[in-house]
Protein backbone atom coordinates (compact mmCIF):
# COMPACT_ATOMS: atom_id res chain seq x y z
CA UNK A 1 66.39 76.58 135.47
CA UNK A 2 64.29 73.87 137.11
CA UNK A 3 66.70 73.84 140.04
CA UNK A 4 66.40 77.63 140.40
CA UNK A 5 62.60 77.48 140.35
CA UNK A 6 62.60 74.68 142.91
CA UNK A 7 64.75 76.88 145.18
CA UNK A 8 62.19 79.68 144.88
CA UNK A 9 59.45 77.15 145.60
CA UNK A 10 61.37 75.85 148.63
CA UNK A 11 61.91 79.37 149.99
CA UNK A 12 58.22 80.22 149.64
CA UNK A 13 57.28 76.96 151.38
CA UNK A 14 59.79 77.60 154.17
CA UNK A 15 58.63 81.15 154.79
CA UNK A 16 54.97 80.20 154.71
CA UNK A 17 55.37 77.24 157.08
CA UNK A 18 56.73 79.54 159.76
CA UNK A 19 53.61 81.68 159.88
CA UNK A 20 50.87 79.22 158.82
CA UNK A 21 50.32 75.60 159.73
CA UNK A 22 48.72 74.99 156.39
CA UNK A 23 51.18 74.02 153.66
CA UNK A 24 50.77 74.94 150.00
CA UNK A 25 50.50 72.17 147.47
CA UNK A 26 53.36 71.96 144.96
CA UNK A 27 51.06 73.36 142.24
CA UNK A 28 50.18 76.42 144.27
CA UNK A 29 53.78 76.97 145.13
CA UNK A 30 54.73 76.91 141.45
CA UNK A 31 51.93 79.33 140.61
CA UNK A 32 53.21 81.74 143.25
CA UNK A 33 56.76 81.38 141.93
CA UNK A 34 55.48 82.10 138.41
CA UNK A 35 54.09 85.40 139.63
CA UNK A 36 57.58 86.37 140.88
CA UNK A 37 59.45 85.10 137.81
CA UNK A 38 57.01 84.69 134.88
CA UNK A 39 57.35 81.15 133.54
CA UNK A 40 55.19 78.20 132.60
CA UNK A 41 55.46 74.45 133.05
CA UNK A 42 54.60 71.63 130.74
CA UNK A 43 54.43 67.83 130.65
CA UNK A 44 54.70 65.48 127.71
CA UNK A 45 53.47 61.87 127.89
CA UNK A 46 55.67 59.72 125.64
CA UNK A 47 53.10 56.94 125.44
CA UNK A 48 50.02 58.96 124.50
CA UNK A 49 51.78 61.96 122.95
CA UNK A 50 49.65 64.23 125.14
CA UNK A 51 51.09 67.65 126.08
CA UNK A 52 49.79 69.45 129.13
CA UNK A 53 50.52 73.16 129.81
CA UNK A 54 49.78 75.02 132.98
CA UNK A 55 47.83 78.27 132.75
CA UNK A 56 50.89 80.56 133.06
CA UNK A 57 52.35 78.85 129.98
CA UNK A 58 49.15 79.50 128.01
CA UNK A 59 49.46 83.12 129.09
CA UNK A 60 53.13 83.29 128.10
CA UNK A 61 52.43 81.81 124.68
CA UNK A 62 49.31 83.91 124.19
CA UNK A 63 47.31 80.78 123.28
CA UNK A 64 43.69 80.14 124.23
CA UNK A 65 43.33 76.81 126.00
CA UNK A 66 40.35 75.98 123.76
CA UNK A 67 42.49 76.33 120.62
CA UNK A 68 45.19 73.83 121.61
CA UNK A 69 44.66 70.10 120.99
CA UNK A 70 47.58 69.04 123.26
CA UNK A 71 49.56 67.34 120.47
CA UNK A 72 53.26 67.75 119.71
CA UNK A 73 52.55 68.30 116.00
CA UNK A 74 50.25 71.25 116.75
CA UNK A 75 52.82 72.72 119.12
CA UNK A 76 55.54 72.41 116.45
CA UNK A 77 53.26 74.21 113.98
CA UNK A 78 53.35 77.17 116.35
CA UNK A 79 57.15 77.22 116.18
CA UNK A 80 59.34 79.00 113.67
CA UNK A 81 59.93 76.61 110.72
CA UNK A 82 63.68 76.60 111.37
CA UNK A 83 63.19 75.45 114.97
CA UNK A 84 60.80 72.52 114.44
CA UNK A 85 63.35 69.92 113.37
CA UNK A 86 65.76 70.99 116.10
CA UNK A 87 63.09 70.50 118.76
CA UNK A 88 62.17 67.05 117.40
CA UNK A 89 65.84 65.97 117.34
CA UNK A 90 66.27 67.26 120.89
CA UNK A 91 63.33 65.20 122.17
CA UNK A 92 64.47 62.03 120.39
CA UNK A 93 68.00 62.47 121.70
CA UNK A 94 66.70 62.89 125.25
CA UNK A 95 64.66 59.69 124.97
CA UNK A 96 67.13 57.44 123.21
CA UNK A 97 70.32 58.70 124.85
CA UNK A 98 68.70 59.04 128.27
CA UNK A 99 69.74 62.67 128.59
CA UNK A 100 68.28 63.61 131.96
CA UNK A 101 68.56 67.39 131.58
CA UNK A 102 68.30 69.29 128.36
CA UNK A 103 68.17 72.97 127.51
CA UNK A 104 66.37 74.40 124.55
CA UNK A 105 65.41 77.64 122.82
CA UNK A 106 62.81 78.23 120.16
CA UNK A 107 60.80 80.96 118.47
CA UNK A 108 57.02 81.10 118.56
CA UNK A 109 55.27 82.32 115.39
CA UNK A 110 51.56 82.81 115.97
CA UNK A 111 49.20 84.55 113.54
CA UNK A 112 48.97 88.32 113.95
CA UNK A 113 51.67 88.31 116.63
CA UNK A 114 55.35 89.26 116.48
CA UNK A 115 57.92 86.49 116.73
CA UNK A 116 58.80 85.75 120.36
CA UNK A 117 61.73 83.90 121.87
CA UNK A 118 61.58 81.27 124.62
CA UNK A 119 64.11 79.31 126.61
CA UNK A 120 63.63 76.34 128.89
CA UNK A 121 64.93 73.27 130.65
CA UNK A 122 63.45 69.76 130.54
CA UNK A 123 63.97 66.48 132.38
CA UNK A 124 63.01 62.90 131.64
CA UNK A 125 60.37 61.30 133.86
CA UNK A 126 60.84 57.59 134.69
CA UNK A 127 58.52 54.85 135.99
CA UNK A 128 59.41 52.47 138.75
CA UNK A 129 61.25 50.31 136.24
CA UNK A 130 63.40 53.33 135.42
CA UNK A 131 61.94 53.51 131.96
CA UNK A 132 61.38 56.98 130.42
CA UNK A 133 57.67 57.67 130.25
CA UNK A 134 57.61 61.40 129.71
CA UNK A 135 59.21 64.80 129.80
CA UNK A 136 58.56 67.73 132.10
CA UNK A 137 59.97 71.17 131.93
CA UNK A 138 59.68 74.90 132.38
CA UNK A 139 59.72 77.72 129.83
CA UNK A 140 60.34 81.47 130.11
CA UNK A 141 59.86 84.30 127.64
CA UNK A 142 63.26 85.79 126.64
CA UNK A 143 61.95 87.98 123.83
CA UNK A 144 62.98 91.23 125.52
CA UNK A 145 66.44 89.81 126.20
CA UNK A 146 66.82 88.58 122.63
CA UNK A 147 65.65 91.86 121.13
CA UNK A 148 68.03 93.71 123.42
CA UNK A 149 70.85 91.39 122.41
CA UNK A 150 69.99 91.92 118.73
CA UNK A 151 69.92 95.68 119.19
CA UNK A 152 73.21 95.58 121.08
CA UNK A 153 74.72 93.39 118.37
CA UNK A 154 73.41 95.76 115.71
CA UNK A 155 74.92 98.73 117.52
CA UNK A 156 78.13 96.81 118.14
CA UNK A 157 78.34 95.80 114.48
CA UNK A 158 77.67 99.38 113.44
CA UNK A 159 80.38 100.62 115.79
CA UNK A 160 82.78 97.94 114.57
CA UNK A 161 81.99 98.85 110.96
CA UNK A 162 82.69 102.49 111.75
CA UNK A 163 85.88 101.71 113.63
CA UNK A 164 87.08 99.51 110.80
CA UNK A 165 86.23 102.08 108.14
CA UNK A 166 88.30 104.92 109.57
CA UNK A 167 91.92 105.28 108.49
CA UNK A 168 93.14 105.98 112.01
CA UNK A 169 94.09 103.03 114.17
CA UNK A 170 91.89 102.56 117.25
CA UNK A 171 93.18 100.56 120.20
CA UNK A 172 91.60 99.66 123.53
CA UNK A 173 94.00 98.62 126.27
CA UNK A 174 93.12 96.88 129.52
CA UNK A 175 94.49 98.07 132.84
CA UNK A 176 97.42 95.67 132.50
CA UNK A 177 98.30 97.18 129.06
CA UNK A 178 97.06 94.11 127.18
CA UNK A 179 95.22 94.72 123.91
CA UNK A 180 91.47 94.33 124.17
CA UNK A 181 90.58 95.65 120.72
CA UNK A 182 92.26 96.94 117.56
CA UNK A 183 90.55 97.96 114.32
CA UNK A 184 91.51 97.07 110.75
CA UNK A 185 93.55 100.25 110.31
CA UNK A 186 95.62 99.19 113.33
CA UNK A 187 96.34 95.78 111.80
CA UNK A 188 97.29 97.44 108.52
CA UNK A 189 99.64 99.94 110.15
CA UNK A 190 101.28 97.47 112.52
CA UNK A 191 101.27 94.63 109.93
CA UNK A 192 99.95 92.16 112.54
CA UNK A 193 96.75 90.08 112.50
CA UNK A 194 94.09 90.03 115.20
CA UNK A 195 95.23 86.71 116.64
CA UNK A 196 98.80 88.02 116.89
CA UNK A 197 97.93 91.08 118.99
CA UNK A 198 94.75 90.39 120.98
CA UNK A 199 95.57 89.86 124.63
CA UNK A 200 99.25 90.74 124.12
CA UNK A 201 101.07 93.45 126.07
CA UNK A 202 101.12 96.60 123.93
CA UNK A 203 104.52 97.83 125.04
CA UNK A 204 106.26 94.47 124.71
CA UNK A 205 104.87 94.11 121.20
CA UNK A 206 105.27 97.62 119.77
CA UNK A 207 107.53 99.82 121.93
CA UNK A 208 111.30 100.06 121.26
CA UNK A 209 113.05 97.63 123.56
CA UNK A 210 114.99 100.28 125.50
CA UNK A 211 111.74 102.14 126.31
CA UNK A 212 109.44 99.21 127.12
CA UNK A 213 109.98 99.11 130.89
CA UNK A 214 109.68 102.88 131.43
CA UNK A 215 106.62 103.23 129.21
CA UNK A 216 104.80 100.32 130.85
CA UNK A 217 105.61 101.68 134.31
CA UNK A 218 104.28 105.10 133.33
CA UNK A 219 101.10 103.49 131.94
CA UNK A 220 100.52 101.66 135.20
CA UNK A 221 100.93 104.89 137.16
CA UNK A 222 98.26 106.49 134.95
CA UNK A 223 95.90 103.57 135.56
CA UNK A 224 96.55 103.83 139.32
CA UNK A 225 95.85 107.57 139.19
CA UNK A 226 99.40 108.49 140.18
CA UNK A 227 100.36 110.22 136.93
CA UNK A 228 98.78 112.70 134.54
CA UNK A 229 98.16 111.19 131.15
CA UNK A 230 98.70 113.14 127.95
CA UNK A 231 95.69 113.45 125.70
CA UNK A 232 97.95 114.03 122.68
CA UNK A 233 101.50 112.99 121.90
CA UNK A 234 103.60 111.59 119.08
CA UNK A 235 105.53 108.36 119.56
CA UNK A 236 107.15 105.72 117.41
CA UNK A 237 106.04 102.10 117.28
CA UNK A 238 107.80 99.15 115.67
CA UNK A 239 105.84 97.26 113.03
CA UNK A 240 106.01 93.53 112.48
CA UNK A 241 108.55 94.03 109.67
CA UNK A 242 110.75 96.07 112.00
CA UNK A 243 110.01 99.50 110.53
CA UNK A 244 109.67 102.49 112.85
CA UNK A 245 106.37 104.30 112.38
CA UNK A 246 105.55 107.62 113.98
CA UNK A 247 102.00 107.73 115.37
CA UNK A 248 100.10 110.77 116.60
CA UNK A 249 98.04 109.55 119.57
CA UNK A 250 94.89 110.94 121.19
CA UNK A 251 93.91 109.10 124.37
CA UNK A 252 90.81 108.84 126.54
CA UNK A 253 90.59 107.08 129.89
CA UNK A 254 87.78 104.52 130.12
CA UNK A 255 85.90 104.46 133.43
CA UNK A 256 83.10 102.40 134.96
CA UNK A 257 80.06 103.66 136.87
CA UNK A 258 82.18 103.96 140.01
CA UNK A 259 84.60 106.26 138.11
CA UNK A 260 87.31 103.62 138.31
CA UNK A 261 89.71 103.49 135.35
CA UNK A 262 89.10 100.33 133.35
CA UNK A 263 91.42 100.96 130.41
CA UNK A 264 92.48 103.40 127.73
CA UNK A 265 90.95 104.18 124.34
CA UNK A 266 93.69 105.38 121.98
CA UNK A 267 93.27 106.76 118.47
CA UNK A 268 96.44 106.87 116.40
CA UNK A 269 97.19 108.47 113.05
CA UNK A 270 100.20 107.30 111.06
CA UNK A 271 102.22 110.48 110.46
CA UNK A 272 105.42 108.73 109.40
CA UNK A 273 105.38 110.17 105.88
CA UNK A 274 104.43 113.60 107.21
CA UNK A 275 107.32 113.57 109.70
CA UNK A 276 109.73 112.41 107.01
CA UNK A 277 108.45 115.10 104.64
CA UNK A 278 108.86 117.73 107.35
CA UNK A 279 112.41 116.57 108.01
CA UNK A 280 113.18 116.70 104.29
CA UNK A 281 111.51 120.10 104.08
CA UNK A 282 113.60 121.39 106.97
CA UNK A 283 116.73 120.01 105.33
CA UNK A 284 115.79 121.66 102.04
CA UNK A 285 115.02 124.94 103.79
CA UNK A 286 118.41 124.82 105.52
CA UNK A 287 120.11 124.08 102.22
CA UNK A 288 118.32 126.94 100.46
CA UNK A 289 119.05 129.22 103.43
CA UNK A 290 122.74 128.37 103.19
CA UNK A 291 122.70 128.99 99.44
CA UNK A 292 120.84 132.27 99.95
CA UNK A 293 123.10 133.58 102.67
CA UNK A 294 126.40 132.45 101.16
CA UNK A 295 125.68 133.25 97.52
CA UNK A 296 127.87 135.86 95.83
CA UNK A 297 124.79 136.87 93.83
CA UNK A 298 122.76 139.61 95.54
CA UNK A 299 119.38 138.19 96.58
CA UNK A 300 116.39 139.87 98.20
CA UNK A 301 113.05 138.52 99.46
CA UNK A 302 109.99 140.74 99.80
CA UNK A 303 106.37 140.15 100.76
CA UNK A 304 103.23 141.08 98.83
CA UNK A 305 103.34 144.57 100.36
CA UNK A 306 106.78 145.18 98.76
CA UNK A 307 108.52 145.13 102.13
CA UNK A 308 111.90 143.45 102.27
CA UNK A 309 111.79 140.39 104.54
CA UNK A 310 115.27 138.99 103.99
CA UNK A 311 118.45 139.96 102.12
CA UNK A 312 121.83 138.31 101.84
CA UNK A 313 125.26 139.84 102.44
CA UNK A 314 125.92 140.24 98.72
CA UNK A 315 122.83 142.47 98.41
CA UNK A 316 123.97 144.55 101.38
CA UNK A 317 127.40 145.01 99.84
CA UNK A 318 125.93 145.98 96.48
CA UNK A 319 123.47 148.54 97.85
CA UNK A 320 125.57 149.85 100.72
CA UNK A 321 122.85 149.29 103.35
CA UNK A 322 122.99 147.07 106.44
CA UNK A 323 120.60 144.13 106.61
CA UNK A 324 118.58 145.86 109.35
CA UNK A 325 118.24 148.99 107.22
CA UNK A 326 117.01 147.06 104.19
CA UNK A 327 114.48 145.10 106.24
CA UNK A 328 112.91 148.44 107.24
CA UNK A 329 112.56 149.53 103.60
CA UNK A 330 110.14 149.06 100.71
CA UNK A 331 111.12 148.09 97.18
CA UNK A 332 110.41 151.52 95.68
CA UNK A 333 112.79 153.23 98.11
CA UNK A 334 115.69 151.93 96.01
CA UNK A 335 114.29 153.22 92.71
CA UNK A 336 114.13 156.70 91.23
CA UNK A 337 111.36 158.81 92.82
CA UNK A 338 110.00 159.71 89.39
CA UNK A 339 109.85 156.02 88.44
CA UNK A 340 107.56 154.82 91.27
CA UNK A 341 104.57 154.50 88.96
CA UNK A 342 106.58 152.43 86.49
CA UNK A 343 107.87 150.31 89.38
CA UNK A 344 104.33 149.53 90.51
CA UNK A 345 103.32 148.61 86.95
CA UNK A 346 106.29 146.24 86.74
CA UNK A 347 105.22 144.74 90.08
CA UNK A 348 101.67 144.21 88.87
CA UNK A 349 102.91 142.40 85.74
CA UNK A 350 105.28 140.36 87.88
CA UNK A 351 102.51 139.14 90.21
CA UNK A 352 100.33 138.12 87.25
CA UNK A 353 103.09 136.38 85.26
CA UNK A 354 104.79 134.79 88.32
CA UNK A 355 108.22 135.31 86.76
CA UNK A 356 110.05 138.35 85.42
CA UNK A 357 113.46 139.36 84.07
CA UNK A 358 114.79 142.75 83.06
CA UNK A 359 117.01 145.68 83.99
CA UNK A 360 116.28 148.51 86.39
CA UNK A 361 118.07 151.52 87.83
CA UNK A 362 118.64 151.47 91.59
CA UNK A 363 120.26 153.92 93.97
CA UNK A 364 122.77 152.92 96.59
CA UNK A 365 122.78 154.40 100.08
CA UNK A 366 125.39 157.00 99.02
CA UNK A 367 123.21 158.06 96.10
CA UNK A 368 125.24 156.31 93.42
CA UNK A 369 123.12 155.09 90.55
CA UNK A 370 123.62 151.49 89.49
CA UNK A 371 122.02 149.43 86.76
CA UNK A 372 121.09 145.85 87.69
CA UNK A 373 119.88 142.91 85.71
CA UNK A 374 117.30 140.96 87.74
CA UNK A 375 115.41 137.67 87.76
CA UNK A 376 112.35 137.45 90.00
CA UNK A 377 110.06 134.58 91.04
CA UNK A 378 106.76 135.21 92.83
CA UNK A 379 105.31 132.98 95.56
CA UNK A 380 108.42 130.82 95.85
CA UNK A 381 106.93 130.30 99.30
CA UNK A 382 103.39 131.50 100.13
CA UNK A 383 103.34 135.31 100.21
CA UNK A 384 107.07 135.66 99.55
CA UNK A 385 108.85 136.72 96.35
CA UNK A 386 112.52 136.22 95.47
CA UNK A 387 114.75 138.37 93.27
CA UNK A 388 118.39 137.89 92.34
CA UNK A 389 120.41 140.75 90.85
CA UNK A 390 123.56 141.27 88.87
CA UNK A 391 125.28 144.65 88.77
CA UNK A 392 125.73 145.51 85.08
CA UNK A 393 126.61 149.18 85.58
CA UNK A 394 130.13 148.78 84.17
CA UNK A 395 128.78 146.63 81.41
CA UNK A 396 126.32 149.37 80.46
CA UNK A 397 129.09 152.00 80.59
CA UNK A 398 131.24 149.82 78.34
CA UNK A 399 128.30 149.34 75.99
CA UNK A 400 127.81 153.12 75.79
CA UNK A 401 131.50 153.69 75.14
CA UNK A 402 131.47 151.05 72.43
CA UNK A 403 128.42 152.71 70.93
CA UNK A 404 130.23 156.06 70.82
CA UNK A 405 133.29 154.43 69.26
CA UNK A 406 131.14 152.80 66.65
CA UNK A 407 129.67 156.22 65.81
CA UNK A 408 133.16 157.62 65.34
CA UNK A 409 134.12 154.70 63.13
CA UNK A 410 130.95 155.20 61.13
CA UNK A 411 132.00 158.81 60.49
CA UNK A 412 135.54 157.67 59.49
CA UNK A 413 134.03 155.20 57.07
CA UNK A 414 131.88 157.96 55.62
CA UNK A 415 134.98 160.13 55.21
CA UNK A 416 136.79 157.31 53.50
CA UNK A 417 133.93 156.64 51.14
CA UNK A 418 133.12 160.29 50.31
CA UNK A 419 135.74 162.89 51.21
CA UNK A 420 138.77 160.83 50.11
CA UNK A 421 137.02 159.96 46.89
CA UNK A 422 136.59 163.63 45.88
CA UNK A 423 140.31 164.77 45.76
CA UNK A 424 141.29 161.39 44.38
CA UNK A 425 138.84 161.82 41.54
CA UNK A 426 140.27 165.30 40.91
CA UNK A 427 143.83 163.95 40.72
CA UNK A 428 142.78 161.26 38.31
CA UNK A 429 141.00 163.81 36.12
CA UNK A 430 143.99 166.20 36.13
CA UNK A 431 146.35 163.40 35.11
CA UNK A 432 144.11 162.64 32.17
CA UNK A 433 144.08 166.34 31.25
CA UNK A 434 147.93 166.52 31.38
CA UNK A 435 148.06 163.65 29.05
CA UNK A 436 145.80 165.43 26.57
CA UNK A 437 147.35 168.91 26.82
CA UNK A 438 150.41 169.49 24.62
CA UNK A 439 151.41 173.07 25.48
CA UNK A 440 153.59 173.91 28.43
CA UNK A 441 151.30 176.74 29.61
CA UNK A 442 148.33 174.45 29.90
CA UNK A 443 150.33 171.75 31.71
CA UNK A 444 151.51 174.31 34.31
CA UNK A 445 147.94 175.29 35.04
CA UNK A 446 146.98 171.62 35.44
CA UNK A 447 149.88 171.01 37.80
CA UNK A 448 148.60 173.78 40.11
CA UNK A 449 145.22 172.01 40.38
CA UNK A 450 146.98 168.69 40.90
CA UNK A 451 149.00 170.10 43.81
CA UNK A 452 145.83 171.53 45.37
CA UNK A 453 144.03 168.16 45.19
CA UNK A 454 147.07 166.39 46.64
CA UNK A 455 147.10 168.78 49.60
CA UNK A 456 143.41 168.16 50.20
CA UNK A 457 143.95 164.39 50.13
CA UNK A 458 146.83 164.72 52.53
CA UNK A 459 144.73 166.73 54.99
CA UNK A 460 141.88 164.22 54.81
CA UNK A 461 144.26 161.38 55.57
CA UNK A 462 145.60 163.33 58.54
CA UNK A 463 142.03 163.88 59.82
CA UNK A 464 141.34 160.13 59.50
CA UNK A 465 144.47 159.39 61.50
CA UNK A 466 143.42 161.83 64.24
CA UNK A 467 139.92 160.39 64.45
CA UNK A 468 141.31 156.87 64.60
CA UNK A 469 143.48 157.93 67.53
CA UNK A 470 140.37 159.29 69.25
CA UNK A 471 138.58 155.93 68.80
CA UNK A 472 141.55 154.10 70.31
CA UNK A 473 141.48 156.49 73.25
């Protein structure tokens, strides 16, 4: 700093000497230099302990000349408590170690004034015997610079805190594709530490080996302005453990005041699990699609407006419609016209319960009525409802036939238990009467009744046989 001030002083002296024969004294030259670059000078006598400040230094410090007793102890009292010992050590080191030039910074804490920051240079002064007899130096106020640095550090720390708190990885690349910055999320995703990545070539560290050269060449073309960069793309990187991770990137070109590209700011989101889930979902959808299309069970899919959205071949075969025809139809078009209200009630229950089973009558394209047993699931995918059906028409016909046969058998059983019992009871009674009657005339009369009851029994048995044949038919 002293050297710089002496250069200013020399320039002023040189310029002045050209236009004026009178030459400034060194003091006046320093005062003029202080007006251009505000600073103050001081001297410290090692023997007497006397400190002398020039007026610009009093002005810089904001101290009245009358209130300063020119002692080092008083000056140290003006300093921040944490800087006093450092200044004392610095002076002692300069004296005892013969340090010719020393640089220092300190804070000034005066009553009713904000803390201010100062920086300066000092040199030892020697007598003719080359013994140190004092110190001389200059001092400038760097408060504005320090406050600016603090504010910038505060903003930088805030930005770093923000960048490190987000889950997305944030990377800044230089024009040569070396890594200038990466946040904590980036280290977590890539599994590297800061020292392992900072300053390293991004593509050589993270890109698949067979793509490294092409990707780096493309990056350089973007930096040179010879290629259009993509603001969004998805690309895999290789982590430290060798795992491939899919990252969704959003990029921004960094430019200076001259609009020259100075690097790239990239924000990346790890979508590896999402991509894997989508692949699994696509595989599952394909599997379910194959099952749906190739199933021998009729299946239909409709939306919340009861419009068919997909049907399989088995459903087409069952109903007699083509797939295109069914996809132009509503659910109630397959039901009985007089049952539309009931169909809508069933639908309402189905939507509320999410699952439904039952039987329903449907009509094929040719008008044939069929009875189907169905199982339905609502919202198997958003807004879509699935139903599988089983044609039980023949089963229902068989059940009806069996019901009719059972009715016939019930009648046969009734005949056996009632009608057969009547003539049989007569025969038994007549036999008892024969046994009790002794005359021939009475026995003949009994035999006539016995023959009549036998004929009745025979006819009943024949009727049973005929009805049994009808059941078998």
